[in-house]
Amino acid sequence: MSFEPVPPNAIISCPADSGISYDMHFYEKGKEVFLINAEGGGCQFIHLKEGNALRSKDYFWKMVQEATEMNAKQLLGLPGSF
């Protein structure tokens, strides 16, 4: 997957944000190799452990939907979606 970096100190206008985010841990052979925090709403940025932020892509959220069996409204944390 490739993601576009978010420029540091950029002023960006984002859609409504419900405040939900997801900590995702990735493992290989039982060892954690990667940790991210993905914003479920708003700009849906992906924050890396190192502090950098990336713009998420639609295909990323489609994969999250498949992995969690949640729909798009549930991932956004919208009231009444569960």
Protein backbone atom coordinates (compact mmCIF):
# COMPACT_ATOMS: atom_id res chain seq x y z
CA MET A 1 0.00 0.00 0.00
CA SER A 2 1.12 3.51 -0.67
CA PHE A 3 -0.10 6.56 1.21
CA GLU A 4 0.51 10.27 0.73
CA PRO A 5 2.23 11.98 3.68
CA VAL A 6 0.46 14.83 5.47
CA PRO A 7 2.74 17.90 5.41
CA PRO A 8 3.88 18.92 8.92
CA ASN A 9 2.08 21.99 10.31
CA ALA A 10 -0.40 21.94 7.41
CA ILE A 11 -3.77 23.59 7.97
CA ILE A 12 -6.34 21.16 6.60
CA SER A 13 -10.13 21.39 6.66
CA CYS A 14 -11.66 17.97 7.40
CA PRO A 15 -15.24 16.64 7.34
CA ALA A 16 -17.14 16.00 10.57
CA ASP A 17 -15.27 13.85 13.06
CA SER A 18 -16.96 11.65 15.65
CA GLY A 19 -13.68 11.29 17.53
CA ILE A 20 -13.28 7.56 16.97
CA SER A 21 -9.87 6.13 16.14
CA TYR A 22 -8.37 2.68 15.85
CA ASP A 23 -5.05 1.40 17.20
CA MET A 24 -3.84 -1.31 14.84
CA HIS A 25 -0.98 -3.64 15.64
CA PHE A 26 0.64 -5.70 12.89
CA TYR A 27 2.55 -8.85 13.71
CA GLU A 28 4.94 -11.15 11.90
CA LYS A 29 5.85 -14.50 13.43
CA GLY A 30 4.36 -13.42 16.76
CA LYS A 31 6.37 -10.18 16.97
CA GLU A 32 4.86 -6.72 16.59
CA VAL A 33 6.43 -5.06 13.56
CA PHE A 34 4.17 -2.07 13.03
CA LEU A 35 1.73 0.08 15.03
CA ILE A 36 -0.62 2.74 13.66
CA ASN A 37 -3.53 4.84 14.85
CA ALA A 38 -6.18 5.39 12.16
CA GLU A 39 -8.79 8.14 12.51
CA GLY A 40 -12.23 6.70 11.78
CA GLY A 41 -13.74 10.08 10.91
CA GLY A 42 -12.68 13.54 9.82
CA CYS A 43 -9.70 13.42 7.49
CA GLN A 44 -9.13 9.75 8.35
CA PHE A 45 -5.39 10.24 8.75
CA ILE A 46 -3.17 7.33 9.69
CA HIS A 47 -0.70 8.23 12.44
CA LEU A 48 2.52 6.25 12.63
CA LYS A 49 4.25 5.41 15.88
CA GLU A 50 7.10 7.72 14.84
CA GLY A 51 4.73 10.70 14.73
CA ASN A 52 4.28 11.04 10.97
CA ALA A 53 0.77 11.19 9.49
CA LEU A 54 -0.46 9.78 6.19
CA ARG A 55 -3.65 10.27 4.19
CA SER A 56 -5.64 7.05 4.15
CA LYS A 57 -7.08 5.66 0.94
CA ASP A 58 -10.47 4.08 0.24
CA TYR A 59 -8.88 0.67 -0.28
CA PHE A 60 -7.39 0.81 3.23
CA TRP A 61 -10.86 1.26 4.75
CA LYS A 62 -12.31 -1.47 2.51
CA MET A 63 -9.67 -3.85 3.93
CA VAL A 64 -10.53 -2.74 7.49
CA GLN A 65 -14.22 -3.37 6.76
CA GLU A 66 -13.42 -6.88 5.53
CA ALA A 67 -11.16 -7.64 8.50
CA THR A 68 -13.59 -6.35 11.14
CA GLU A 69 -16.91 -7.15 9.43
CA MET A 70 -18.02 -3.58 10.19
CA ASN A 71 -19.69 -1.35 7.61
CA ALA A 72 -18.53 2.15 6.65
CA LYS A 73 -20.98 3.89 9.03
CA GLN A 74 -19.84 1.73 11.94
CA LEU A 75 -16.18 2.52 11.21
CA LEU A 76 -17.03 6.23 11.27
CA GLY A 77 -18.59 5.72 14.71
CA LEU A 78 -21.89 7.24 13.65
CA PRO A 79 -24.67 7.09 16.27
CA GLY A 80 -27.16 4.31 15.62
CA SER A 81 -24.84 2.42 13.26
CA PHE A 82 -24.36 -0.58 15.58
